[in-house]
Structure formats: C-alpha cells, structure tokens
Amino acid sequence: MTANDRDTNDRGTNDRDTNDRGTVVTLDRVTVEYGTGDAAVRPLDGFSTSVPAGRLAILLGPSGCGKTTLLSCLAGLQRPTSGSIRVGDHEVTSLSAQQLTAYRRSMVGVVFQAFNLVPSLTAAENVMMPMLSAGVRRRAARERARELLSNVGLAERVSHRPGMLSGGQMQRVAIARALALDPALVVADEPTANLDHVQVEAVLRIIRSLTSRGRTVIISTHDHRLLPLADQVIDMSPDRSGVTEAVVDTFLAIGDELFAEGEVAHHIYVVESGRLDLTRAGSTIGVVEPGEVFGEMGPTFTLPRSATATALEPSRVTGYSLAEFTRRFGEEELRRLVGRWS
C-alpha cells in the first residue's frame, strides 16, 4: 500500500495542516536496566533508531526483546536508565514529572494490548475520558467520541459497554480513545494479538490510516501480517538489538566476502567502486556494478541474506542502516528497490 492509498477515516474535528504535525522520533543509545550486578536485566541496551515524521514503524521481535519497554518509554510511562528519547521538539527523557503529564496528554496516544477499557463505561464514555481529563467540555467530548467511533466503524456501538463488544470492536474503541486528543504520536502494543483473523482485517485498515496528516505511528508486534503496512521495520531480535552503525565503508580484495547467504542482514549497500558477484546456492544470480544498490530486502523485512556477495575485483562499498538509507535516499527509493525484479 502506498502513501496515496491510505485511508483518512481518522480525521477528527481538528484539521491542522500536515506540515504542523510532522513528528520525528529519535532514540539515542537508550538503555533500560532492572536490578543490579549479576542479576541486572537489560531489555534495552544502548538501542538507537529513528522514525521519520508521518511514518508507520513496526517493532518486530520475540517476547522479551524490549518492544513493550520501548513503547512505554516513548509514551512517557517509564524512564530509561540512560540514553535520550526525542519526540518532535520534546526531549522526553529530560522532562519533569509535571511536563511528562502534559506530554502524555497532548502528544501521545496509547493503544494497549489488553484494551484497558473501563467495563462500567460505554464505548463513547471510554473515548471521552482523556478529553474530559484534559478539560474538554462534556458536550464537545461526546460529539468527538461519536465521530471517532463512527470513523472506526462503531457508529452503532457508541452506547455499548465493553462486555457487549467483540475483541475487534474493543480494540477499535481503544484506537478511537488513543486519537481523542489528536496526538502527533500513536504507539500500539500488539494491537492484533487478541483478535481472530476476521477481526484483524478491520483493525489493520485502521492502523494503516493512522499516519494521515503527518501522525507518526509505532507498533510492536509478533504478527508478520503487519509487515506490508509498514513504512519502516525495526528489528529488535536479541542478536540484532542495540546500535547498528549508520554508515559503514568496506574495502574488499578479490575474493573477499561481504556477506554470506543466511546471515543476519544489517545494512543496505551501495557499490562505490569495483564489482561484486551475487551467488545463491553456489550459482551466480547477478553482478552489481558501481552506483548500484543491493541487499535491501534483509534489513527492510528482517530477513536473512538470500545470497552471498563476493568481490570480483578490488571494491569499495558503503553500507547504510535502514534508518540512515531512508533518511538519505527517501522512502520512495526504498520502495522502488523492494519492488524491482530480482
């Protein structure tokens, strides 16, 4: 799905211009540590990445790799032990307790895995809660809640309590609640984990639409069905967490191997000089020349290398992390590369 294909169903009453809503998210060497000494556990250990404004980024990795911890830090619900988190103009890690409260209220919407709806309140009342807490008048909050619920396909369920809703419907209420104050950043923790395959389709469509008007969306998941929705995939698997060098220059002699089939992929490469042979199962599948880009599939979709790259002559290649490649060359170039025929 391209940017032009995205739905804009989550537009609310506030029609602020996209240019005013762009929110870049940057994490620099973020560490979260529990315990001390030999008993210390670090779900995040020097983790760095960035997400451009108006993009949907997916945190992919197994349980325990730090996805939920990272979202909690982004939402201002938890402070990292060290490192820096910047969301737009906000240096989140340096905010006071009072400033964090204002940040959570105005800048970020959270979609919890377990929905976290109040059982005794209707769908509309659940969506109204953050608005009422922020001082929005009850009548305006109710109108906004009804509009948001209609936008996620629940116009007929505004008066239903959570116990009367399916899992997919409760998730959509949770998404509407996260959008109540029109946040610039939305974070969602495993938004499809508790849904069956029928319910997932509606939620996936809504998730993709959330980036309208420049909103930045970061989602944690095990669910590979979400990958085609993403503008950016951030691999948090244990063997790939932490800092990946943004730019790496590599010089190869004849016969030197840049990477091997089956290896974990960290960088997208540009040939600066020389030529490299790409082989799969021992057979040549292509030769890359100066100026050509290769190796994009692994870092983009967290796949192992599908070929081996070996220098045919003295060569120099530059490797870019996924975030750095996107920053320098743009999302459209990455999509073009992914869409080309092998």
Protein backbone atom coordinates (compact mmCIF):
# COMPACT_ATOMS: atom_id res chain seq x y z
CA MET A 1 0.00 0.00 0.00
CA THR A 2 1.43 3.37 -0.96
CA ALA A 3 1.01 6.70 0.79
CA ASN A 4 -1.63 7.68 -1.76
CA ASP A 5 -3.67 4.58 -0.94
CA ARG A 6 -4.03 5.32 2.76
CA ASP A 7 -7.47 5.90 4.23
CA THR A 8 -8.08 9.17 6.06
CA ASN A 9 -11.00 7.96 8.13
CA ASP A 10 -9.49 9.04 11.43
CA ARG A 11 -9.74 12.74 10.66
CA GLY A 12 -11.38 14.49 13.56
CA THR A 13 -12.74 17.92 14.15
CA ASN A 14 -9.25 19.44 14.20
CA ASP A 15 -7.95 19.96 10.62
CA ARG A 16 -4.46 21.15 11.43
CA ASP A 17 -2.20 21.11 8.42
CA THR A 18 0.06 18.10 7.91
CA ASN A 19 3.16 20.29 7.98
CA ASP A 20 2.33 21.31 11.52
CA ARG A 21 2.01 17.72 12.67
CA GLY A 22 5.21 16.11 11.46
CA THR A 23 6.86 14.43 14.45
CA VAL A 24 10.26 12.78 14.11
CA VAL A 25 11.04 10.19 16.80
CA THR A 26 14.70 9.63 17.68
CA LEU A 27 16.19 7.22 20.22
CA ASP A 28 19.88 7.51 21.02
CA ARG A 29 21.61 4.75 23.00
CA VAL A 30 18.57 4.02 25.16
CA THR A 31 19.15 1.54 28.00
CA VAL A 32 16.62 0.22 30.49
CA GLU A 33 18.03 -1.83 33.34
CA TYR A 34 16.26 -3.72 36.12
CA GLY A 35 18.23 -4.98 39.11
CA THR A 36 21.93 -4.59 39.79
CA GLY A 37 25.15 -6.52 39.41
CA ASP A 38 24.98 -10.04 38.03
CA ALA A 39 21.19 -10.02 38.43
CA ALA A 40 20.75 -6.98 36.17
CA VAL A 41 18.42 -7.41 33.20
CA ARG A 42 18.51 -5.04 30.23
CA PRO A 43 15.52 -5.35 27.88
CA LEU A 44 17.04 -2.36 26.04
CA ASP A 45 20.81 -2.00 25.90
CA GLY A 46 22.12 1.02 24.02
CA PHE A 47 19.29 0.92 21.49
CA SER A 48 19.27 3.60 18.77
CA THR A 49 16.87 4.23 15.89
CA SER A 50 14.79 6.97 14.32
CA VAL A 51 11.37 7.14 12.70
CA PRO A 52 10.62 9.95 10.21
CA ALA A 53 7.50 12.08 10.61
CA GLY A 54 4.27 10.66 9.25
CA ARG A 55 5.53 7.09 9.05
CA LEU A 56 4.26 3.76 10.33
CA ALA A 57 7.12 1.87 12.02
CA ILE A 58 6.86 -1.69 13.28
CA LEU A 59 8.95 -3.04 16.15
CA LEU A 60 9.46 -6.69 15.29
CA GLY A 61 10.90 -9.33 17.58
CA PRO A 62 10.17 -12.13 20.05
CA SER A 63 8.78 -11.73 23.56
CA GLY A 64 11.29 -10.26 25.96
CA CYS A 65 13.28 -8.29 23.37
CA GLY A 66 12.16 -4.91 24.76
CA LYS A 67 9.33 -3.88 22.42
CA THR A 68 6.82 -3.07 25.17
CA THR A 69 9.51 -1.41 27.29
CA LEU A 70 10.42 0.82 24.36
CA LEU A 71 6.80 1.83 23.79
CA SER A 72 6.41 2.62 27.49
CA CYS A 73 9.43 4.92 27.30
CA LEU A 74 8.08 6.63 24.17
CA ALA A 75 4.72 7.13 25.88
CA GLY A 76 6.36 8.71 28.91
CA LEU A 77 5.12 5.91 31.15
CA GLN A 78 8.64 4.77 32.01
CA ARG A 79 12.03 6.47 32.19
CA PRO A 80 15.03 4.74 30.63
CA THR A 81 18.10 4.20 32.78
CA SER A 82 20.20 6.13 30.27
CA GLY A 83 20.09 7.48 26.74
CA SER A 84 17.93 10.04 25.00
CA ILE A 85 14.43 9.96 23.50
CA ARG A 86 13.24 12.89 21.40
CA VAL A 87 9.70 13.15 20.06
CA GLY A 88 9.40 16.21 17.84
CA ASP A 89 10.59 19.16 19.92
CA HIS A 90 10.28 17.24 23.19
CA GLU A 91 13.33 15.73 24.86
CA VAL A 92 11.20 13.16 26.69
CA THR A 93 13.98 11.83 28.89
CA SER A 94 14.62 15.27 30.41
CA LEU A 95 11.01 16.23 31.19
CA SER A 96 9.91 16.78 34.78
CA ALA A 97 7.02 14.77 36.22
CA GLN A 98 4.62 17.64 35.53
CA GLN A 99 5.93 18.08 31.99
CA LEU A 100 5.60 14.32 31.37
CA THR A 101 1.94 14.51 32.34
CA ALA A 102 1.40 17.30 29.80
CA TYR A 103 3.39 15.35 27.19
CA ARG A 104 1.30 12.21 27.66
CA ARG A 105 -1.89 14.23 27.43
CA SER A 106 -1.07 16.32 24.36
CA MET A 107 1.50 14.43 22.31
CA VAL A 108 0.97 10.67 22.51
CA GLY A 109 -1.92 8.25 22.20
CA VAL A 110 -1.51 4.71 23.55
CA VAL A 111 -3.28 1.56 22.35
CA PHE A 112 -2.79 -1.17 24.95
CA GLN A 113 -2.67 -4.88 24.10
CA ALA A 114 -5.33 -5.67 26.71
CA PHE A 115 -7.50 -2.71 25.54
CA ASN A 116 -7.69 -1.24 29.11
CA LEU A 117 -11.28 -0.13 28.67
CA VAL A 118 -13.36 0.70 31.76
CA PRO A 119 -16.02 -2.07 31.93
CA SER A 120 -18.68 0.13 33.52
CA LEU A 121 -18.47 2.83 30.82
CA THR A 122 -19.94 2.81 27.33
CA ALA A 123 -17.75 2.92 24.25
CA ALA A 124 -18.40 6.67 23.91
CA GLU A 125 -17.64 7.30 27.58
CA ASN A 126 -14.35 5.39 27.31
CA VAL A 127 -13.31 7.57 24.39
CA MET A 128 -14.43 10.71 26.25
CA MET A 129 -12.22 10.01 29.29
CA PRO A 130 -8.95 11.57 28.07
CA MET A 131 -10.83 14.61 26.73
CA LEU A 132 -12.65 15.23 29.99
CA SER A 133 -9.36 14.85 31.89
CA ALA A 134 -7.87 17.49 29.59
CA GLY A 135 -10.71 19.94 30.34
CA VAL A 136 -12.76 19.49 27.16
CA ARG A 137 -16.44 20.27 27.77
CA ARG A 138 -18.61 17.19 28.05
CA ARG A 139 -20.80 18.02 25.06
CA ALA A 140 -17.81 18.59 22.77
CA ALA A 141 -16.14 15.45 24.11
CA ARG A 142 -19.24 13.39 23.39
CA GLU A 143 -19.51 14.73 19.84
CA ARG A 144 -15.81 14.00 19.23
CA ALA A 145 -16.19 10.49 20.68
CA ARG A 146 -19.15 9.72 18.45
CA GLU A 147 -17.24 10.96 15.42
CA LEU A 148 -14.18 8.86 16.21
CA LEU A 149 -16.24 5.74 16.88
CA SER A 150 -18.06 6.27 13.60
CA ASN A 151 -14.73 6.59 11.83
CA VAL A 152 -13.63 3.18 13.13
CA GLY A 153 -16.93 1.58 12.13
CA LEU A 154 -18.66 1.61 15.50
CA ALA A 155 -21.40 4.21 14.98
CA GLU A 156 -23.97 1.67 16.14
CA ARG A 157 -21.99 0.70 19.24
CA VAL A 158 -21.46 4.04 20.99
CA SER A 159 -23.74 3.07 23.90
CA HIS A 160 -22.42 -0.48 24.28
CA ARG A 161 -20.20 -1.38 27.22
CA PRO A 162 -17.05 -3.45 26.64
CA GLY A 163 -18.74 -6.65 27.78
CA MET A 164 -21.15 -6.33 24.86
CA LEU A 165 -18.37 -5.91 22.26
CA SER A 166 -16.15 -8.40 20.42
CA GLY A 167 -12.36 -8.30 20.79
CA GLY A 168 -12.02 -6.50 17.47
CA GLN A 169 -14.63 -3.93 18.46
CA MET A 170 -12.92 -3.30 21.80
CA GLN A 171 -9.63 -2.79 20.00
CA ARG A 172 -11.26 -0.23 17.74
CA VAL A 173 -12.67 1.60 20.76
CA ALA A 174 -9.14 1.63 22.20
CA ILE A 175 -7.81 3.11 18.96
CA ALA A 176 -10.53 5.78 18.96
CA ARG A 177 -9.66 6.64 22.56
CA ALA A 178 -5.97 6.97 21.63
CA LEU A 179 -6.96 9.51 18.95
CA ALA A 180 -9.25 11.52 21.23
CA LEU A 181 -6.84 14.44 21.71
CA ASP A 182 -5.45 14.21 18.17
CA PRO A 183 -1.91 13.18 19.21
CA ALA A 184 1.10 13.58 16.94
CA LEU A 185 2.44 10.15 18.01
CA VAL A 186 0.47 6.93 18.44
CA VAL A 187 2.05 3.81 19.98
CA ALA A 188 0.31 0.43 19.95
CA ASP A 189 1.37 -2.71 21.79
CA GLU A 190 0.50 -5.93 19.91
CA PRO A 191 -2.76 -4.48 18.51
CA THR A 192 -3.77 -7.75 16.78
CA ALA A 193 -2.67 -10.20 19.48
CA ASN A 194 -6.14 -10.88 20.88
CA LEU A 195 -8.06 -10.88 17.59
CA ASP A 196 -9.17 -13.65 15.26
CA HIS A 197 -8.45 -13.47 11.53
CA VAL A 198 -11.82 -11.87 10.73
CA GLN A 199 -11.40 -9.08 13.28
CA VAL A 200 -7.80 -8.42 12.23
CA GLU A 201 -8.73 -7.13 8.76
CA ALA A 202 -10.70 -4.14 10.04
CA VAL A 203 -8.04 -3.26 12.61
CA LEU A 204 -5.25 -3.47 10.02
CA ARG A 205 -7.06 -1.00 7.76
CA ILE A 206 -7.48 1.44 10.64
CA ILE A 207 -3.84 1.10 11.71
CA ARG A 208 -2.62 1.95 8.21
CA SER A 209 -4.84 5.04 8.14
CA LEU A 210 -3.41 6.44 11.38
CA THR A 211 -0.50 8.21 9.66
CA SER A 212 -2.83 10.63 7.91
CA ARG A 213 -1.99 14.29 8.46
CA GLY A 214 1.59 13.56 9.44
CA ARG A 215 0.89 11.45 12.52
CA THR A 216 3.76 9.10 13.43
CA VAL A 217 2.75 5.56 14.46
CA ILE A 218 4.96 2.97 16.18
CA ILE A 219 3.65 -0.55 16.73
CA SER A 220 5.11 -3.58 18.48
CA THR A 221 4.14 -6.98 17.13
CA HIS A 222 4.96 -10.64 16.54
CA ASP A 223 2.41 -10.58 13.71
CA HIS A 224 4.09 -10.73 10.29
CA ARG A 225 0.77 -9.82 8.65
CA LEU A 226 1.51 -6.22 9.66
CA LEU A 227 4.77 -6.04 7.70
CA PRO A 228 3.22 -4.98 4.35
CA LEU A 229 1.64 -2.00 6.15
CA ALA A 230 4.94 -0.64 7.42
CA ASP A 231 6.99 2.23 6.09
CA GLN A 232 9.80 1.02 8.33
CA VAL A 233 10.58 -2.23 10.16
CA ILE A 234 12.81 -2.04 13.24
CA ASP A 235 14.24 -5.42 14.16
CA MET A 236 14.56 -5.90 17.92
CA SER A 237 15.59 -9.56 17.90
CA PRO A 238 18.19 -10.29 20.60
CA ASP A 239 21.00 -10.82 18.10
CA ARG A 240 20.25 -7.53 16.39
CA SER A 241 19.25 -5.18 19.20
CA GLY A 242 21.49 -2.30 20.18
CA VAL A 243 23.39 0.07 17.96
CA THR A 244 23.84 -0.74 14.29
CA GLU A 245 26.37 1.60 12.69
CA ALA A 246 24.53 4.03 10.46
CA VAL A 247 27.21 4.11 7.74
CA VAL A 248 30.00 1.58 7.17
CA ASP A 249 32.70 1.79 4.46
CA THR A 250 34.14 -1.58 3.48
CA PHE A 251 37.13 -2.28 1.23
CA LEU A 252 37.33 -5.73 -0.38
CA ALA A 253 40.13 -7.55 -2.15
CA ILE A 254 39.41 -10.01 -4.96
CA GLY A 255 37.57 -12.98 -3.48
CA ASP A 256 36.65 -11.25 -0.20
CA GLU A 257 33.13 -11.98 1.02
CA LEU A 258 30.93 -9.03 2.06
CA PHE A 259 28.16 -11.21 3.45
CA ALA A 260 27.04 -14.83 3.17
CA GLU A 261 23.71 -16.42 2.34
CA GLY A 262 21.69 -16.97 5.53
CA GLU A 263 23.44 -14.29 7.59
CA VAL A 264 21.55 -11.67 9.59
CA ALA A 265 21.24 -8.51 7.47
CA HIS A 266 22.19 -5.13 8.95
CA HIS A 267 22.94 -2.83 6.02
CA ILE A 268 21.84 -1.83 2.53
CA TYR A 269 24.87 -1.46 0.27
CA VAL A 270 25.94 0.93 -2.50
CA VAL A 271 28.88 -0.04 -4.74
CA GLU A 272 31.33 2.86 -4.82
CA SER A 273 33.92 1.08 -6.99
CA GLY A 274 34.63 -2.42 -8.26
CA ARG A 275 32.20 -5.25 -8.93
CA LEU A 276 30.62 -7.92 -6.72
CA ASP A 277 29.26 -11.33 -7.62
CA LEU A 278 25.94 -12.37 -6.03
CA THR A 279 25.52 -16.14 -5.71
CA ARG A 280 22.78 -18.35 -4.35
CA ALA A 281 23.46 -21.99 -3.56
CA GLY A 282 26.75 -21.60 -5.43
CA SER A 283 25.25 -20.22 -8.66
CA THR A 284 25.63 -16.63 -9.84
CA ILE A 285 22.37 -14.70 -9.83
CA GLY A 286 23.80 -11.30 -10.68
CA VAL A 287 26.72 -8.89 -10.67
CA VAL A 288 26.50 -5.46 -9.05
CA GLU A 289 28.40 -2.55 -10.60
CA PRO A 290 29.47 0.90 -9.35
CA GLY A 291 26.49 3.05 -8.39
CA GLU A 292 24.16 0.10 -7.88
CA VAL A 293 22.30 -0.64 -4.64
CA PHE A 294 21.83 -4.16 -3.30
CA GLY A 295 21.00 -6.07 -0.14
CA GLU A 296 17.86 -4.07 0.70
CA MET A 297 15.45 -6.94 1.40
CA GLY A 298 17.09 -8.26 4.57
CA PRO A 299 17.24 -5.01 6.57
CA THR A 300 13.83 -3.86 5.33
CA PHE A 301 11.91 -7.03 6.16
CA THR A 302 14.18 -8.57 8.83
CA LEU A 303 15.04 -11.47 6.56
CA PRO A 304 18.35 -13.37 6.41
CA ARG A 305 20.57 -12.76 3.41
CA SER A 306 19.25 -14.64 0.37
CA ALA A 307 22.62 -14.60 -1.45
CA THR A 308 26.37 -14.35 -0.91
CA ALA A 309 28.24 -11.22 -2.09
CA THR A 310 31.88 -11.68 -3.13
CA ALA A 311 34.28 -9.15 -4.70
CA LEU A 312 35.22 -9.90 -8.32
CA GLU A 313 37.88 -7.16 -8.20
CA PRO A 314 39.17 -4.70 -5.61
CA SER A 315 35.98 -3.00 -4.46
CA ARG A 316 34.66 -0.39 -2.06
CA VAL A 317 31.07 -0.50 -0.79
CA THR A 318 29.17 1.72 1.60
CA GLY A 319 26.63 0.14 3.92
CA TYR A 320 23.70 2.10 5.32
CA SER A 321 21.42 1.08 8.17
CA LEU A 322 17.75 1.02 7.18
CA ALA A 323 17.07 4.28 9.04
CA GLU A 324 20.10 6.00 7.50
CA PHE A 325 19.34 4.78 3.98
CA THR A 326 15.78 6.06 4.30
CA ARG A 327 16.99 9.40 5.63
CA ARG A 328 19.47 9.90 2.79
CA PHE A 329 17.67 8.42 -0.18
CA GLY A 330 13.99 8.56 0.83
CA GLU A 331 11.12 6.15 1.35
CA GLU A 332 10.17 6.17 -2.33
CA GLU A 333 13.64 4.97 -3.36
CA LEU A 334 13.45 2.14 -0.85
CA ARG A 335 10.03 1.13 -2.16
CA ARG A 336 11.35 1.22 -5.72
CA LEU A 337 14.23 -1.07 -4.80
CA VAL A 338 11.99 -3.50 -2.95
CA GLY A 339 9.56 -3.59 -5.88
CA ARG A 340 12.12 -4.27 -8.60
CA TRP A 341 12.52 -7.68 -10.17
CA SER A 342 15.50 -9.73 -8.97
